[in-house]
Amino acid sequence: MDERLVIKKFIIRKLYRHRMWLHKHTNINNLPKGLSNELRNSKEIKKAVKELLSENILLAKPTSYGLEVSLNPKKIREIEALAE
């Protein structure tokens, strides 16, 4: 399986499990926590997050202390398909 796809699924499952929808968000630096060290240190994480943001699966909320992300409730069917 593609490394980037594994990372995308991990991020979506993590946010889905913690119910990070719309107004409940987390810092973008918290997303790789829980991945193996080899995946955590790869540059594929940033690419995977960029792809999820461009596909509007993740919503971005810029703050004074960094970028926060949450799941897009308008894409719930796609998110549930990826989460399972």
C-alpha atoms as a PDB file:
ATOM      1  CA  MET A   1       0.000   0.000   0.000  1.00  0.00           C
ATOM      2  CA  ASP A   2       1.158   3.523  -0.749  1.00  0.00           C
ATOM      3  CA  GLU A   3       2.858   5.223   2.209  1.00  0.00           C
ATOM      4  CA  ARG A   4       0.900   8.443   1.725  1.00  0.00           C
ATOM      5  CA  LEU A   5      -2.409   6.554   1.696  1.00  0.00           C
ATOM      6  CA  VAL A   6      -1.483   4.854   4.980  1.00  0.00           C
ATOM      7  CA  ILE A   7      -0.736   8.248   6.522  1.00  0.00           C
ATOM      8  CA  LYS A   8      -4.008   9.732   5.211  1.00  0.00           C
ATOM      9  CA  LYS A   9      -6.039   6.880   6.671  1.00  0.00           C
ATOM     10  CA  PHE A  10      -4.226   7.174  10.001  1.00  0.00           C
ATOM     11  CA  ILE A  11      -4.909  10.925  10.227  1.00  0.00           C
ATOM     12  CA  ILE A  12      -8.570  10.556   9.302  1.00  0.00           C
ATOM     13  CA  ARG A  13      -9.117   7.658  11.728  1.00  0.00           C
ATOM     14  CA  LYS A  14      -7.444   9.614  14.515  1.00  0.00           C
ATOM     15  CA  LEU A  15      -9.554  12.726  13.987  1.00  0.00           C
ATOM     16  CA  TYR A  16     -12.720  10.621  13.473  1.00  0.00           C
ATOM     17  CA  ARG A  17     -12.096   8.673  16.666  1.00  0.00           C
ATOM     18  CA  HIS A  18     -11.599  11.895  18.661  1.00  0.00           C
ATOM     19  CA  ARG A  19     -14.646  13.507  16.985  1.00  0.00           C
ATOM     20  CA  MET A  20     -12.733  16.476  15.595  1.00  0.00           C
ATOM     21  CA  TRP A  21     -15.551  17.937  13.487  1.00  0.00           C
ATOM     22  CA  LEU A  22     -15.792  21.595  12.374  1.00  0.00           C
ATOM     23  CA  HIS A  23     -15.356  23.710  15.550  1.00  0.00           C
ATOM     24  CA  LYS A  24     -13.367  21.131  17.500  1.00  0.00           C
ATOM     25  CA  HIS A  25      -9.861  21.151  16.089  1.00  0.00           C
ATOM     26  CA  THR A  26      -6.302  20.144  16.861  1.00  0.00           C
ATOM     27  CA  ASN A  27      -2.878  21.480  16.029  1.00  0.00           C
ATOM     28  CA  ILE A  28      -1.374  20.217  12.794  1.00  0.00           C
ATOM     29  CA  ASN A  29       1.753  19.131  14.716  1.00  0.00           C
ATOM     30  CA  ASN A  30      -0.319  16.598  16.689  1.00  0.00           C
ATOM     31  CA  LEU A  31      -1.351  14.616  13.601  1.00  0.00           C
ATOM     32  CA  PRO A  32       1.760  12.400  13.236  1.00  0.00           C
ATOM     33  CA  LYS A  33       1.753  11.385  16.913  1.00  0.00           C
ATOM     34  CA  GLY A  34       1.071   7.669  17.093  1.00  0.00           C
ATOM     35  CA  LEU A  35       2.744   6.789  13.785  1.00  0.00           C
ATOM     36  CA  SER A  36       5.857   4.659  13.649  1.00  0.00           C
ATOM     37  CA  ASN A  37       9.143   6.572  13.751  1.00  0.00           C
ATOM     38  CA  GLU A  38       9.985   5.879  10.122  1.00  0.00           C
ATOM     39  CA  LEU A  39       6.634   7.280   8.947  1.00  0.00           C
ATOM     40  CA  ARG A  40       6.669  10.127  11.460  1.00  0.00           C
ATOM     41  CA  ASN A  41      10.005  11.406  10.209  1.00  0.00           C
ATOM     42  CA  SER A  42       9.170  11.183   6.505  1.00  0.00           C
ATOM     43  CA  LYS A  43       8.191  14.150   4.367  1.00  0.00           C
ATOM     44  CA  GLU A  44       5.096  12.276   3.210  1.00  0.00           C
ATOM     45  CA  ILE A  45       3.138  13.572   6.218  1.00  0.00           C
ATOM     46  CA  LYS A  46       3.176  17.158   4.985  1.00  0.00           C
ATOM     47  CA  LYS A  47       2.214  16.030   1.487  1.00  0.00           C
ATOM     48  CA  ALA A  48      -0.645  13.887   2.821  1.00  0.00           C
ATOM     49  CA  VAL A  49      -2.002  16.746   4.954  1.00  0.00           C
ATOM     50  CA  LYS A  50      -1.764  19.138   1.986  1.00  0.00           C
ATOM     51  CA  GLU A  51      -3.710  16.667  -0.162  1.00  0.00           C
ATOM     52  CA  LEU A  52      -6.405  16.249   2.507  1.00  0.00           C
ATOM     53  CA  LEU A  53      -6.709  20.027   2.800  1.00  0.00           C
ATOM     54  CA  SER A  54      -6.921  20.476  -0.980  1.00  0.00           C
ATOM     55  CA  GLU A  55      -9.611  17.748  -1.191  1.00  0.00           C
ATOM     56  CA  ASN A  56     -11.548  19.637   1.541  1.00  0.00           C
ATOM     57  CA  ILE A  57     -11.604  16.566   3.761  1.00  0.00           C
ATOM     58  CA  LEU A  58      -9.733  18.576   6.385  1.00  0.00           C
ATOM     59  CA  LEU A  59     -10.610  22.140   7.254  1.00  0.00           C
ATOM     60  CA  ALA A  60      -7.853  24.581   8.228  1.00  0.00           C
ATOM     61  CA  LYS A  61      -8.153  27.204  10.944  1.00  0.00           C
ATOM     62  CA  PRO A  62      -5.194  29.568  11.145  1.00  0.00           C
ATOM     63  CA  THR A  63      -4.478  30.810  14.660  1.00  0.00           C
ATOM     64  CA  SER A  64      -1.819  33.028  16.206  1.00  0.00           C
ATOM     65  CA  TYR A  65      -0.019  29.932  17.521  1.00  0.00           C
ATOM     66  CA  GLY A  66      -0.170  27.748  14.382  1.00  0.00           C
ATOM     67  CA  LEU A  67      -2.477  25.942  12.006  1.00  0.00           C
ATOM     68  CA  GLU A  68      -5.369  23.932  13.436  1.00  0.00           C
ATOM     69  CA  VAL A  69      -7.297  21.275  11.486  1.00  0.00           C
ATOM     70  CA  SER A  70     -10.627  19.485  11.795  1.00  0.00           C
ATOM     71  CA  LEU A  71     -12.789  17.167   9.703  1.00  0.00           C
ATOM     72  CA  ASN A  72     -15.232  18.624   7.198  1.00  0.00           C
ATOM     73  CA  PRO A  73     -18.809  17.542   8.045  1.00  0.00           C
ATOM     74  CA  LYS A  74     -19.856  18.084   4.403  1.00  0.00           C
ATOM     75  CA  LYS A  75     -17.563  15.186   3.387  1.00  0.00           C
ATOM     76  CA  ILE A  76     -18.841  12.731   5.989  1.00  0.00           C
ATOM     77  CA  ARG A  77     -19.416   9.876   3.502  1.00  0.00           C
ATOM     78  CA  GLU A  78     -15.860  10.060   2.144  1.00  0.00           C
ATOM     79  CA  ILE A  79     -14.429  10.325   5.656  1.00  0.00           C
ATOM     80  CA  GLU A  80     -16.360   7.311   6.943  1.00  0.00           C
ATOM     81  CA  ALA A  81     -15.263   5.299   3.900  1.00  0.00           C
ATOM     82  CA  LEU A  82     -11.616   6.128   4.567  1.00  0.00           C
ATOM     83  CA  ALA A  83     -11.930   5.607   8.312  1.00  0.00           C
ATOM     84  CA  GLU A  84     -13.054   1.988   7.892  1.00  0.00           C
END
